[in-house]
Structure formats: structure tokens, C-alpha cells
């Protein structure tokens, strides 16, 4: 669609949304920018009619509820309006997993130099009442640029469909080994970033944890050298190759806090004194969950297991030390 036509359609929608009355075609022609001006000639009238008919058809094809009618019995011609109640989106409702994914995407976009778009999306979602919890209660953010130095080159190679070479340190091997991979995509799984792709040496789909990549990955060959499988599901792929045994974590949360956490937690009811809520969380990556809980600060306390509670305390202690030294 041409830029001028798109702008005219937007102006038309805004004009018809701004009133409850039906607006005649003549009034639209006079007030909405982009239409042929009325100079009294038949040519100008025909040009406007053709343009307006195309615009009405375009709006209806896009699903805009354009209504035709008359405001009163004294009107001599039909007018147009858009009922705001029918046009506006319903209340945005996200599951816990969806809200967490949005928050995670905002962090990813910040790393990928898309901070402006991410901030705009965050503002719109929060204005609609969605608690995304992109940053949590305290400034504890995963530093993708510094903490995961492999992220940017891996992400760029997957985006450009270029073969990737890197050294990879498996926990059961003494030294890193070289890998050649067709990178299909990058995915976050329980607090860690993974690359999914085709291991060219083994000719098998593999997941690689970015924190185990040694040095800077190198993209080779031309862009567009391959296409990921049409039925690729990185979520299922990482779950099958990386997912571990599920663990139950019980926390106490202050009423009205940790909204995002509550969406995927199971409520165990209030504490005995009624001052806090007990929540049950299930995870296959308790250390990643510890980071999320630490980001909620004093609003959440881990009851069990002890190792997760200690991991949260350790993260908060490090954060306090960083703040003291700043």
C-alpha cells in the first residue's frame, strides 16, 4: 500500500472514530486530508467517489466495522461512522508464560538495538493493564551483551542464515571442541540462552548453551545459505534435549506483589498469620528461577528447597555489594 493511501486511511479511521454521529461523504471530503478537493468540476467529484469507494472497501476488508446510516430522520443522505466499542481490541489477557515471554523479549530487543520498539511495546501493554515485569522490583537484569558475549554474533548468524563456527566446552570434556552449525534460532530456557541448529559434523539437530561457547563465534559463507525446517519448534527442541527433572519450589509473597509469578504458580493459600501468600512453583531449572525470585527483592521469600533459598540470598548479596561499590 502506498504511503499516501495508508495515511489517508488512517486519517479516515481517526475521523470516523472521533464522533458518534454519521458523517456524510461531503463532510469527509472536506475534513479528511488526502481526498480530491471540491473545485466544482465533475472530474473532481468522480475522482473523489472512486477514491472513497476504494477506501471503504479497503477498510471493510481489513475488518474495520464501518457503519452506514443516518443520525436523524431529517438527514437527506447516508453517512458513515466506526463504532468505537466494535473497533477497539478486547482486554489484553496473557497467561503467565506469555507475560514472561514478553518480558524476556523486551530484554532481548534491548540487546539487539531495538530498545525503542521494546519500550513502545512495554508502554502499550502496561497501559492495557498487563503486568509484564520486564525488570522486576530491583535492577537485576541479565546482561546479554556482557554476560553472554556469544549472543550477538550467534543471533546475527541465525538471522542472516549463515553457517557458524565456534569452540564449545562441554561439562564432560577436558577441552573445548570445534563446532560447525547451521544456526536455526536462539531461545531462552529457564534463565539461559541456547542456540538451536544443525550440527554439520554430526548431521544432527543440537542445542548449544551460549555460556559454554568459548571465544567469539565466526559466521562463514554467504547469507541465506540454508533454511530451518518448516516444522521447527525450538521450544520443544530445547525441552527434549536440555530439560531436566522438575523441581517444586515454595515461596511466600506479599499480597498484591509478584503478579507475573502468580500467573504460573499454584496458590497454597495464606500463611498462618495471614500476612503473606504461599505459592508453589515448578521448574526444571531452579537456578534460573532463583534469579527471577531475586529480582522481586523483599516481596518474595523462598521457603523451600534450601538450595534455592541460598541461591537467592547469594544473588541479593552480590547485588548489594555491587550497589555499595558503585
C-alpha atoms as a PDB file:
ATOM      1  CA  UNK A   1       0.000   0.000   0.000  1.00  0.00           C
ATOM      2  CA  UNK A   2       1.345   3.455  -0.946  1.00  0.00           C
ATOM      3  CA  UNK A   3       2.302   5.759   1.909  1.00  0.00           C
ATOM      4  CA  UNK A   4      -0.196   8.461   0.882  1.00  0.00           C
ATOM      5  CA  UNK A   5      -3.059   5.996   0.727  1.00  0.00           C
ATOM      6  CA  UNK A   6      -2.141   4.478   4.070  1.00  0.00           C
ATOM      7  CA  UNK A   7      -2.017   7.934   5.632  1.00  0.00           C
ATOM      8  CA  UNK A   8      -5.408   8.802   4.157  1.00  0.00           C
ATOM      9  CA  UNK A   9      -6.952   5.611   5.527  1.00  0.00           C
ATOM     10  CA  UNK A  10      -5.557   6.316   8.973  1.00  0.00           C
ATOM     11  CA  UNK A  11      -6.950   9.850   8.843  1.00  0.00           C
ATOM     12  CA  UNK A  12     -10.336   8.464   7.776  1.00  0.00           C
ATOM     13  CA  UNK A  13     -10.431   5.965  10.639  1.00  0.00           C
ATOM     14  CA  UNK A  14      -9.480   8.656  13.170  1.00  0.00           C
ATOM     15  CA  UNK A  15     -12.169  10.988  11.840  1.00  0.00           C
ATOM     16  CA  UNK A  16     -14.915   8.348  11.979  1.00  0.00           C
ATOM     17  CA  UNK A  17     -13.877   7.185  15.437  1.00  0.00           C
ATOM     18  CA  UNK A  18     -13.978  10.705  16.845  1.00  0.00           C
ATOM     19  CA  UNK A  19     -17.745  11.121  16.557  1.00  0.00           C
ATOM     20  CA  UNK A  20     -20.870   9.131  17.391  1.00  0.00           C
ATOM     21  CA  UNK A  21     -22.809  10.730  14.551  1.00  0.00           C
ATOM     22  CA  UNK A  22     -22.862   9.556  10.972  1.00  0.00           C
ATOM     23  CA  UNK A  23     -20.565  11.683   8.785  1.00  0.00           C
ATOM     24  CA  UNK A  24     -21.591  12.322   5.186  1.00  0.00           C
ATOM     25  CA  UNK A  25     -19.254  11.759   2.271  1.00  0.00           C
ATOM     26  CA  UNK A  26     -19.222  15.510   1.570  1.00  0.00           C
ATOM     27  CA  UNK A  27     -18.125  16.208   5.138  1.00  0.00           C
ATOM     28  CA  UNK A  28     -15.448  13.541   4.920  1.00  0.00           C
ATOM     29  CA  UNK A  29     -14.195  15.033   1.668  1.00  0.00           C
ATOM     30  CA  UNK A  30     -13.911  18.462   3.278  1.00  0.00           C
ATOM     31  CA  UNK A  31     -12.255  17.417   6.548  1.00  0.00           C
ATOM     32  CA  UNK A  32     -10.114  14.320   5.912  1.00  0.00           C
ATOM     33  CA  UNK A  33      -6.737  15.118   4.307  1.00  0.00           C
ATOM     34  CA  UNK A  34      -5.862  13.258   1.125  1.00  0.00           C
ATOM     35  CA  UNK A  35      -9.107  13.434  -0.812  1.00  0.00           C
ATOM     36  CA  UNK A  36      -9.672  15.310  -4.068  1.00  0.00           C
ATOM     37  CA  UNK A  37     -10.730  18.855  -3.249  1.00  0.00           C
ATOM     38  CA  UNK A  38     -14.180  20.030  -4.344  1.00  0.00           C
ATOM     39  CA  UNK A  39     -13.486  22.517  -7.138  1.00  0.00           C
ATOM     40  CA  UNK A  40     -16.973  22.287  -8.624  1.00  0.00           C
ATOM     41  CA  UNK A  41     -15.982  20.098 -11.584  1.00  0.00           C
ATOM     42  CA  UNK A  42     -17.417  16.717 -12.486  1.00  0.00           C
ATOM     43  CA  UNK A  43     -13.884  15.334 -12.828  1.00  0.00           C
ATOM     44  CA  UNK A  44     -13.061  16.131  -9.198  1.00  0.00           C
ATOM     45  CA  UNK A  45     -16.374  14.654  -7.996  1.00  0.00           C
ATOM     46  CA  UNK A  46     -15.800  11.399  -9.873  1.00  0.00           C
ATOM     47  CA  UNK A  47     -12.211  11.154  -8.615  1.00  0.00           C
ATOM     48  CA  UNK A  48     -13.396  11.558  -5.025  1.00  0.00           C
ATOM     49  CA  UNK A  49     -16.186   8.993  -5.409  1.00  0.00           C
ATOM     50  CA  UNK A  50     -13.842   6.359  -6.853  1.00  0.00           C
ATOM     51  CA  UNK A  51     -11.239   7.002  -4.172  1.00  0.00           C
ATOM     52  CA  UNK A  52     -13.780   6.941  -1.338  1.00  0.00           C
ATOM     53  CA  UNK A  53     -15.385   3.714  -2.591  1.00  0.00           C
ATOM     54  CA  UNK A  54     -11.958   2.033  -2.710  1.00  0.00           C
ATOM     55  CA  UNK A  55     -11.170   3.255   0.793  1.00  0.00           C
ATOM     56  CA  UNK A  56     -14.452   1.945   2.209  1.00  0.00           C
ATOM     57  CA  UNK A  57     -13.863  -1.445   0.619  1.00  0.00           C
ATOM     58  CA  UNK A  58     -10.280  -1.495   1.921  1.00  0.00           C
ATOM     59  CA  UNK A  59     -11.346  -0.732   5.493  1.00  0.00           C
ATOM     60  CA  UNK A  60     -14.011  -3.421   5.460  1.00  0.00           C
ATOM     61  CA  UNK A  61     -11.560  -5.977   4.069  1.00  0.00           C
ATOM     62  CA  UNK A  62      -9.244  -5.149   6.976  1.00  0.00           C
ATOM     63  CA  UNK A  63     -12.065  -5.832   9.422  1.00  0.00           C
ATOM     64  CA  UNK A  64     -12.857  -2.224  10.341  1.00  0.00           C
ATOM     65  CA  UNK A  65     -16.556  -2.099  11.375  1.00  0.00           C
ATOM     66  CA  UNK A  66     -17.631   0.727   9.049  1.00  0.00           C
ATOM     67  CA  UNK A  67     -21.310   1.526   9.576  1.00  0.00           C
ATOM     68  CA  UNK A  68     -23.700   3.297   7.213  1.00  0.00           C
ATOM     69  CA  UNK A  69     -26.764   5.186   8.422  1.00  0.00           C
ATOM     70  CA  UNK A  70     -28.364   8.499   9.327  1.00  0.00           C
ATOM     71  CA  UNK A  71     -28.124  10.375  12.603  1.00  0.00           C
ATOM     72  CA  UNK A  72     -31.708  11.672  12.478  1.00  0.00           C
ATOM     73  CA  UNK A  73     -34.843  11.358  10.421  1.00  0.00           C
ATOM     74  CA  UNK A  74     -34.192  14.785   8.949  1.00  0.00           C
ATOM     75  CA  UNK A  75     -30.923  13.797   7.269  1.00  0.00           C
ATOM     76  CA  UNK A  76     -31.202  13.572   3.495  1.00  0.00           C
ATOM     77  CA  UNK A  77     -28.257  11.272   2.792  1.00  0.00           C
ATOM     78  CA  UNK A  78     -26.422   8.424   4.451  1.00  0.00           C
ATOM     79  CA  UNK A  79     -23.290   8.938   6.472  1.00  0.00           C
ATOM     80  CA  UNK A  80     -20.549   6.787   7.917  1.00  0.00           C
ATOM     81  CA  UNK A  81     -19.081   6.064  11.327  1.00  0.00           C
ATOM     82  CA  UNK A  82     -16.999   3.491  13.172  1.00  0.00           C
ATOM     83  CA  UNK A  83     -18.407   2.233  16.459  1.00  0.00           C
ATOM     84  CA  UNK A  84     -15.559   2.500  18.957  1.00  0.00           C
ATOM     85  CA  UNK A  85     -16.814  -0.442  21.015  1.00  0.00           C
ATOM     86  CA  UNK A  86     -16.692  -2.712  17.961  1.00  0.00           C
ATOM     87  CA  UNK A  87     -13.366  -1.380  16.700  1.00  0.00           C
ATOM     88  CA  UNK A  88     -11.238  -1.452  19.846  1.00  0.00           C
ATOM     89  CA  UNK A  89      -9.419  -4.595  20.874  1.00  0.00           C
ATOM     90  CA  UNK A  90     -10.766  -6.521  23.849  1.00  0.00           C
ATOM     91  CA  UNK A  91      -8.912  -6.503  27.136  1.00  0.00           C
ATOM     92  CA  UNK A  92      -5.449  -7.983  26.693  1.00  0.00           C
ATOM     93  CA  UNK A  93      -5.062 -11.119  28.783  1.00  0.00           C
ATOM     94  CA  UNK A  94      -1.782 -13.019  28.851  1.00  0.00           C
ATOM     95  CA  UNK A  95      -1.003 -16.246  30.624  1.00  0.00           C
ATOM     96  CA  UNK A  96       1.952 -16.352  32.987  1.00  0.00           C
ATOM     97  CA  UNK A  97       4.106 -17.961  30.312  1.00  0.00           C
ATOM     98  CA  UNK A  98       3.078 -15.361  27.716  1.00  0.00           C
ATOM     99  CA  UNK A  99       3.745 -12.427  30.054  1.00  0.00           C
ATOM    100  CA  UNK A 100       7.136 -13.869  30.937  1.00  0.00           C
ATOM    101  CA  UNK A 101       7.912 -14.312  27.240  1.00  0.00           C
ATOM    102  CA  UNK A 102       7.059 -10.664  26.573  1.00  0.00           C
ATOM    103  CA  UNK A 103       9.320  -9.532  29.396  1.00  0.00           C
ATOM    104  CA  UNK A 104      12.093 -11.733  28.086  1.00  0.00           C
ATOM    105  CA  UNK A 105      11.623 -10.419  24.554  1.00  0.00           C
ATOM    106  CA  UNK A 106      11.969  -6.864  25.813  1.00  0.00           C
ATOM    107  CA  UNK A 107      15.355  -7.750  27.259  1.00  0.00           C
ATOM    108  CA  UNK A 108      16.383  -9.460  24.037  1.00  0.00           C
ATOM    109  CA  UNK A 109      15.345  -6.479  21.952  1.00  0.00           C
ATOM    110  CA  UNK A 110      17.354  -4.169  24.183  1.00  0.00           C
ATOM    111  CA  UNK A 111      20.421  -6.259  23.435  1.00  0.00           C
ATOM    112  CA  UNK A 112      19.639  -6.295  19.730  1.00  0.00           C
ATOM    113  CA  UNK A 113      19.481  -2.486  19.457  1.00  0.00           C
ATOM    114  CA  UNK A 114      15.690  -2.462  19.353  1.00  0.00           C
ATOM    115  CA  UNK A 115      15.205  -0.642  22.641  1.00  0.00           C
ATOM    116  CA  UNK A 116      12.848   1.960  21.132  1.00  0.00           C
ATOM    117  CA  UNK A 117      10.385  -0.612  19.803  1.00  0.00           C
ATOM    118  CA  UNK A 118      10.662  -2.634  23.000  1.00  0.00           C
ATOM    119  CA  UNK A 119       9.907   0.371  25.184  1.00  0.00           C
ATOM    120  CA  UNK A 120       6.916   1.307  23.000  1.00  0.00           C
ATOM    121  CA  UNK A 121       5.513  -2.221  23.288  1.00  0.00           C
ATOM    122  CA  UNK A 122       6.067  -2.219  27.040  1.00  0.00           C
ATOM    123  CA  UNK A 123       4.247   1.092  27.490  1.00  0.00           C
ATOM    124  CA  UNK A 124       1.254  -0.104  25.439  1.00  0.00           C
ATOM    125  CA  UNK A 125       0.973  -3.383  27.331  1.00  0.00           C
ATOM    126  CA  UNK A 126       1.206  -1.705  30.714  1.00  0.00           C
ATOM    127  CA  UNK A 127      -1.351   0.885  29.658  1.00  0.00           C
ATOM    128  CA  UNK A 128      -3.681  -2.022  28.891  1.00  0.00           C
ATOM    129  CA  UNK A 129      -3.172  -3.384  32.408  1.00  0.00           C
ATOM    130  CA  UNK A 130      -0.786  -6.217  31.557  1.00  0.00           C
ATOM    131  CA  UNK A 131       1.907  -6.799  34.178  1.00  0.00           C
ATOM    132  CA  UNK A 132       4.927  -7.766  32.087  1.00  0.00           C
ATOM    133  CA  UNK A 133       7.500  -7.408  34.864  1.00  0.00           C
ATOM    134  CA  UNK A 134      10.342  -6.846  32.432  1.00  0.00           C
ATOM    135  CA  UNK A 135      12.668  -5.587  35.137  1.00  0.00           C
ATOM    136  CA  UNK A 136      11.204  -6.740  38.402  1.00  0.00           C
ATOM    137  CA  UNK A 137      11.334  -4.741  41.603  1.00  0.00           C
ATOM    138  CA  UNK A 138      15.101  -4.128  41.622  1.00  0.00           C
ATOM    139  CA  UNK A 139      17.642  -3.578  38.835  1.00  0.00           C
ATOM    140  CA  UNK A 140      18.709  -7.184  38.394  1.00  0.00           C
ATOM    141  CA  UNK A 141      18.823  -7.780  34.637  1.00  0.00           C
ATOM    142  CA  UNK A 142      20.551 -10.459  32.581  1.00  0.00           C
ATOM    143  CA  UNK A 143      23.340  -8.619  30.770  1.00  0.00           C
ATOM    144  CA  UNK A 144      23.143 -10.308  27.398  1.00  0.00           C
ATOM    145  CA  UNK A 145      25.833  -8.170  25.858  1.00  0.00           C
ATOM    146  CA  UNK A 146      28.457  -8.778  28.564  1.00  0.00           C
ATOM    147  CA  UNK A 147      27.293 -11.901  30.376  1.00  0.00           C
ATOM    148  CA  UNK A 148      26.710 -13.770  27.106  1.00  0.00           C
ATOM    149  CA  UNK A 149      29.377 -12.451  24.715  1.00  0.00           C
ATOM    150  CA  UNK A 150      28.394 -15.087  22.146  1.00  0.00           C
ATOM    151  CA  UNK A 151      24.827 -13.830  21.910  1.00  0.00           C
ATOM    152  CA  UNK A 152      25.182 -11.062  19.336  1.00  0.00           C
ATOM    153  CA  UNK A 153      27.214 -12.993  16.710  1.00  0.00           C
ATOM    154  CA  UNK A 154      25.049 -16.092  17.172  1.00  0.00           C
ATOM    155  CA  UNK A 155      21.843 -14.101  16.852  1.00  0.00           C
ATOM    156  CA  UNK A 156      23.143 -12.312  13.745  1.00  0.00           C
ATOM    157  CA  UNK A 157      24.186 -15.590  12.091  1.00  0.00           C
ATOM    158  CA  UNK A 158      20.764 -17.153  12.746  1.00  0.00           C
ATOM    159  CA  UNK A 159      19.034 -14.066  11.395  1.00  0.00           C
ATOM    160  CA  UNK A 160      21.168 -13.983   8.238  1.00  0.00           C
ATOM    161  CA  UNK A 161      21.128 -17.795   7.721  1.00  0.00           C
ATOM    162  CA  UNK A 162      24.923 -18.051   7.729  1.00  0.00           C
ATOM    163  CA  UNK A 163      26.973 -21.064   8.866  1.00  0.00           C
ATOM    164  CA  UNK A 164      28.544 -20.598  12.283  1.00  0.00           C
ATOM    165  CA  UNK A 165      31.864 -21.863  13.674  1.00  0.00           C
ATOM    166  CA  UNK A 166      32.802 -21.784  17.352  1.00  0.00           C
ATOM    167  CA  UNK A 167      34.573 -23.684  20.125  1.00  0.00           C
ATOM    168  CA  UNK A 168      32.275 -25.351  22.633  1.00  0.00           C
ATOM    169  CA  UNK A 169      33.140 -26.560  26.129  1.00  0.00           C
ATOM    170  CA  UNK A 170      31.013 -29.483  27.248  1.00  0.00           C
ATOM    171  CA  UNK A 171      30.995 -30.142  31.024  1.00  0.00           C
ATOM    172  CA  UNK A 172      32.099 -33.747  30.455  1.00  0.00           C
ATOM    173  CA  UNK A 173      35.063 -32.847  28.244  1.00  0.00           C
ATOM    174  CA  UNK A 174      38.503 -31.591  29.277  1.00  0.00           C
ATOM    175  CA  UNK A 175      38.949 -29.101  26.453  1.00  0.00           C
ATOM    176  CA  UNK A 176      36.648 -27.197  24.073  1.00  0.00           C
ATOM    177  CA  UNK A 177      35.949 -28.745  20.685  1.00  0.00           C
ATOM    178  CA  UNK A 178      35.192 -27.019  17.395  1.00  0.00           C
ATOM    179  CA  UNK A 179      31.630 -26.966  16.082  1.00  0.00           C
ATOM    180  CA  UNK A 180      30.176 -26.127  12.673  1.00  0.00           C
ATOM    181  CA  UNK A 181      26.489 -25.337  12.885  1.00  0.00           C
ATOM    182  CA  UNK A 182      23.632 -24.104  10.734  1.00  0.00           C
ATOM    183  CA  UNK A 183      22.050 -21.774  13.326  1.00  0.00           C
ATOM    184  CA  UNK A 184      18.266 -22.041  13.274  1.00  0.00           C
ATOM    185  CA  UNK A 185      17.484 -19.711  16.163  1.00  0.00           C
ATOM    186  CA  UNK A 186      18.200 -18.561  19.702  1.00  0.00           C
ATOM    187  CA  UNK A 187      15.882 -19.347  22.607  1.00  0.00           C
ATOM    188  CA  UNK A 188      15.828 -18.658  26.348  1.00  0.00           C
ATOM    189  CA  UNK A 189      15.205 -21.646  28.575  1.00  0.00           C
ATOM    190  CA  UNK A 190      14.885 -21.214  32.346  1.00  0.00           C
ATOM    191  CA  UNK A 191      17.223 -18.258  32.551  1.00  0.00           C
ATOM    192  CA  UNK A 192      19.822 -19.345  29.983  1.00  0.00           C
ATOM    193  CA  UNK A 193      20.269 -18.732  26.263  1.00  0.00           C
ATOM    194  CA  UNK A 194      20.576 -21.634  23.824  1.00  0.00           C
ATOM    195  CA  UNK A 195      21.362 -21.917  20.126  1.00  0.00           C
ATOM    196  CA  UNK A 196      19.391 -24.488  18.189  1.00  0.00           C
ATOM    197  CA  UNK A 197      20.680 -25.703  14.868  1.00  0.00           C
ATOM    198  CA  UNK A 198      22.075 -28.464  12.701  1.00  0.00           C
ATOM    199  CA  UNK A 199      25.464 -29.777  13.840  1.00  0.00           C
ATOM    200  CA  UNK A 200      27.124 -30.180  10.446  1.00  0.00           C
ATOM    201  CA  UNK A 201      29.806 -32.591  11.687  1.00  0.00           C
ATOM    202  CA  UNK A 202      27.300 -34.932  13.318  1.00  0.00           C
ATOM    203  CA  UNK A 203      24.406 -34.162  10.942  1.00  0.00           C
ATOM    204  CA  UNK A 204      22.039 -33.978  13.903  1.00  0.00           C
ATOM    205  CA  UNK A 205      19.900 -31.190  15.406  1.00  0.00           C
ATOM    206  CA  UNK A 206      21.609 -29.936  18.563  1.00  0.00           C
ATOM    207  CA  UNK A 207      21.155 -27.327  21.290  1.00  0.00           C
ATOM    208  CA  UNK A 208      24.190 -25.350  22.479  1.00  0.00           C
ATOM    209  CA  UNK A 209      24.218 -23.306  25.678  1.00  0.00           C
ATOM    210  CA  UNK A 210      25.739 -19.938  24.888  1.00  0.00           C
ATOM    211  CA  UNK A 211      27.569 -19.684  28.199  1.00  0.00           C
ATOM    212  CA  UNK A 212      29.646 -22.706  27.115  1.00  0.00           C
ATOM    213  CA  UNK A 213      30.781 -21.124  23.866  1.00  0.00           C
ATOM    214  CA  UNK A 214      34.489 -20.271  24.092  1.00  0.00           C
ATOM    215  CA  UNK A 215      35.662 -17.139  22.321  1.00  0.00           C
ATOM    216  CA  UNK A 216      33.754 -15.297  19.620  1.00  0.00           C
ATOM    217  CA  UNK A 217      31.706 -17.359  17.137  1.00  0.00           C
ATOM    218  CA  UNK A 218      32.507 -16.705  13.473  1.00  0.00           C
ATOM    219  CA  UNK A 219      29.929 -16.622  10.698  1.00  0.00           C
ATOM    220  CA  UNK A 220      31.141 -18.014   7.386  1.00  0.00           C
ATOM    221  CA  UNK A 221      29.777 -18.254   3.881  1.00  0.00           C
ATOM    222  CA  UNK A 222      27.033 -16.228   2.205  1.00  0.00           C
ATOM    223  CA  UNK A 223      23.773 -15.113   3.759  1.00  0.00           C
ATOM    224  CA  UNK A 224      20.715 -17.235   3.018  1.00  0.00           C
ATOM    225  CA  UNK A 225      22.816 -20.394   2.734  1.00  0.00           C
ATOM    226  CA  UNK A 226      20.128 -22.597   4.344  1.00  0.00           C
ATOM    227  CA  UNK A 227      16.570 -22.622   5.620  1.00  0.00           C
ATOM    228  CA  UNK A 228      15.475 -24.017   9.004  1.00  0.00           C
ATOM    229  CA  UNK A 229      12.981 -26.908   8.906  1.00  0.00           C
ATOM    230  CA  UNK A 230       9.439 -25.770   8.171  1.00  0.00           C
ATOM    231  CA  UNK A 231       8.154 -27.540  11.291  1.00  0.00           C
ATOM    232  CA  UNK A 232      10.906 -26.211  13.579  1.00  0.00           C
ATOM    233  CA  UNK A 233       9.856 -25.832  17.220  1.00  0.00           C
ATOM    234  CA  UNK A 234      12.789 -24.526  19.247  1.00  0.00           C
ATOM    235  CA  UNK A 235      10.778 -24.765  22.460  1.00  0.00           C
ATOM    236  CA  UNK A 236      10.144 -28.483  22.015  1.00  0.00           C
ATOM    237  CA  UNK A 237      13.715 -28.979  20.857  1.00  0.00           C
ATOM    238  CA  UNK A 238      15.300 -27.381  23.922  1.00  0.00           C
ATOM    239  CA  UNK A 239      12.837 -29.103  26.247  1.00  0.00           C
ATOM    240  CA  UNK A 240      13.701 -32.532  24.867  1.00  0.00           C
ATOM    241  CA  UNK A 241      17.470 -32.028  24.830  1.00  0.00           C
ATOM    242  CA  UNK A 242      18.038 -29.814  27.854  1.00  0.00           C
ATOM    243  CA  UNK A 243      15.010 -30.185  30.109  1.00  0.00           C
ATOM    244  CA  UNK A 244      15.782 -31.833  33.412  1.00  0.00           C
ATOM    245  CA  UNK A 245      13.759 -33.256  36.293  1.00  0.00           C
ATOM    246  CA  UNK A 246      11.003 -30.986  37.525  1.00  0.00           C
ATOM    247  CA  UNK A 247      11.527 -29.481  40.971  1.00  0.00           C
ATOM    248  CA  UNK A 248       8.988 -27.916  43.333  1.00  0.00           C
ATOM    249  CA  UNK A 249       9.805 -24.549  44.911  1.00  0.00           C
ATOM    250  CA  UNK A 250       7.586 -22.986  47.606  1.00  0.00           C
ATOM    251  CA  UNK A 251       7.696 -19.234  48.214  1.00  0.00           C
ATOM    252  CA  UNK A 252       5.894 -16.633  50.306  1.00  0.00           C
ATOM    253  CA  UNK A 253       4.798 -13.413  48.586  1.00  0.00           C
ATOM    254  CA  UNK A 254       3.361 -10.198  49.935  1.00  0.00           C
ATOM    255  CA  UNK A 255      -0.272  -9.608  48.888  1.00  0.00           C
ATOM    256  CA  UNK A 256      -0.574  -7.646  45.651  1.00  0.00           C
ATOM    257  CA  UNK A 257       3.017  -8.290  44.558  1.00  0.00           C
ATOM    258  CA  UNK A 258       4.733 -10.687  42.118  1.00  0.00           C
ATOM    259  CA  UNK A 259       1.755 -10.611  39.750  1.00  0.00           C
ATOM    260  CA  UNK A 260       3.648 -12.245  36.897  1.00  0.00           C
ATOM    261  CA  UNK A 261       4.890 -15.006  39.167  1.00  0.00           C
ATOM    262  CA  UNK A 262       1.376 -15.745  40.429  1.00  0.00           C
ATOM    263  CA  UNK A 263       0.115 -16.340  36.886  1.00  0.00           C
ATOM    264  CA  UNK A 264       2.045 -19.607  36.584  1.00  0.00           C
ATOM    265  CA  UNK A 265       2.191 -20.528  40.277  1.00  0.00           C
ATOM    266  CA  UNK A 266      -0.216 -22.693  42.251  1.00  0.00           C
ATOM    267  CA  UNK A 267      -1.699 -20.937  45.254  1.00  0.00           C
ATOM    268  CA  UNK A 268      -1.272 -22.769  48.568  1.00  0.00           C
ATOM    269  CA  UNK A 269      -3.330 -20.216  50.490  1.00  0.00           C
ATOM    270  CA  UNK A 270      -2.240 -17.605  53.017  1.00  0.00           C
ATOM    271  CA  UNK A 271       0.358 -18.130  55.748  1.00  0.00           C
ATOM    272  CA  UNK A 272      -0.820 -18.864  59.280  1.00  0.00           C
ATOM    273  CA  UNK A 273      -0.687 -15.198  60.292  1.00  0.00           C
ATOM    274  CA  UNK A 274      -2.391 -14.153  57.042  1.00  0.00           C
ATOM    275  CA  UNK A 275       0.254 -11.570  56.129  1.00  0.00           C
ATOM    276  CA  UNK A 276       1.630 -13.420  53.073  1.00  0.00           C
ATOM    277  CA  UNK A 277       0.531 -15.811  50.331  1.00  0.00           C
ATOM    278  CA  UNK A 278       2.182 -19.199  49.817  1.00  0.00           C
ATOM    279  CA  UNK A 279       2.866 -20.177  46.204  1.00  0.00           C
ATOM    280  CA  UNK A 280       4.085 -23.402  44.632  1.00  0.00           C
ATOM    281  CA  UNK A 281       6.323 -23.170  41.571  1.00  0.00           C
ATOM    282  CA  UNK A 282       7.553 -25.996  39.360  1.00  0.00           C
ATOM    283  CA  UNK A 283      10.748 -25.698  37.351  1.00  0.00           C
ATOM    284  CA  UNK A 284      13.419 -27.781  35.645  1.00  0.00           C
ATOM    285  CA  UNK A 285      15.991 -25.002  36.099  1.00  0.00           C
ATOM    286  CA  UNK A 286      15.965 -23.937  39.786  1.00  0.00           C
ATOM    287  CA  UNK A 287      18.999 -21.674  39.421  1.00  0.00           C
ATOM    288  CA  UNK A 288      17.340 -19.689  36.669  1.00  0.00           C
ATOM    289  CA  UNK A 289      14.237 -19.387  38.857  1.00  0.00           C
ATOM    290  CA  UNK A 290      16.437 -18.145  41.701  1.00  0.00           C
ATOM    291  CA  UNK A 291      17.437 -15.199  39.526  1.00  0.00           C
ATOM    292  CA  UNK A 292      13.795 -14.358  38.835  1.00  0.00           C
ATOM    293  CA  UNK A 293      12.935 -14.537  42.527  1.00  0.00           C
ATOM    294  CA  UNK A 294      15.895 -12.384  43.480  1.00  0.00           C
ATOM    295  CA  UNK A 295      14.649  -9.726  41.053  1.00  0.00           C
ATOM    296  CA  UNK A 296      11.487  -9.418  43.184  1.00  0.00           C
ATOM    297  CA  UNK A 297      13.527  -8.374  46.217  1.00  0.00           C
ATOM    298  CA  UNK A 298      11.797  -8.336  49.591  1.00  0.00           C
ATOM    299  CA  UNK A 299       8.383  -9.091  48.076  1.00  0.00           C
ATOM    300  CA  UNK A 300       9.187 -12.810  47.893  1.00  0.00           C
ATOM    301  CA  UNK A 301      10.839 -15.236  50.365  1.00  0.00           C
ATOM    302  CA  UNK A 302      11.764 -18.819  49.458  1.00  0.00           C
ATOM    303  CA  UNK A 303      10.535 -21.438  51.908  1.00  0.00           C
ATOM    304  CA  UNK A 304      11.970 -24.490  50.197  1.00  0.00           C
ATOM    305  CA  UNK A 305      14.141 -26.060  48.984  1.00  0.00           C
ATOM    306  CA  UNK A 306      17.094 -24.733  50.954  1.00  0.00           C
ATOM    307  CA  UNK A 307      19.454 -24.639  47.965  1.00  0.00           C
ATOM    308  CA  UNK A 308      17.141 -22.308  46.017  1.00  0.00           C
ATOM    309  CA  UNK A 309      16.763 -20.047  49.071  1.00  0.00           C
ATOM    310  CA  UNK A 310      20.550 -19.916  49.427  1.00  0.00           C
ATOM    311  CA  UNK A 311      20.932 -19.147  45.715  1.00  0.00           C
ATOM    312  CA  UNK A 312      18.517 -16.210  46.006  1.00  0.00           C
ATOM    313  CA  UNK A 313      20.346 -14.886  49.083  1.00  0.00           C
ATOM    314  CA  UNK A 314      23.671 -15.175  47.256  1.00  0.00           C
ATOM    315  CA  UNK A 315      22.338 -13.166  44.308  1.00  0.00           C
ATOM    316  CA  UNK A 316      20.927 -10.457  46.568  1.00  0.00           C
ATOM    317  CA  UNK A 317      24.202 -10.313  48.489  1.00  0.00           C
ATOM    318  CA  UNK A 318      26.157  -9.815  45.267  1.00  0.00           C
ATOM    319  CA  UNK A 319      23.716  -7.121  44.163  1.00  0.00           C
ATOM    320  CA  UNK A 320      24.071  -5.298  47.486  1.00  0.00           C
ATOM    321  CA  UNK A 321      27.852  -5.450  47.199  1.00  0.00           C
ATOM    322  CA  UNK A 322      27.689  -4.044  43.652  1.00  0.00           C
ATOM    323  CA  UNK A 323      25.480  -1.188  44.874  1.00  0.00           C
ATOM    324  CA  UNK A 324      27.827  -0.406  47.762  1.00  0.00           C
ATOM    325  CA  UNK A 325      30.851  -0.244  45.492  1.00  0.00           C
ATOM    326  CA  UNK A 326      29.156   1.929  42.876  1.00  0.00           C
END
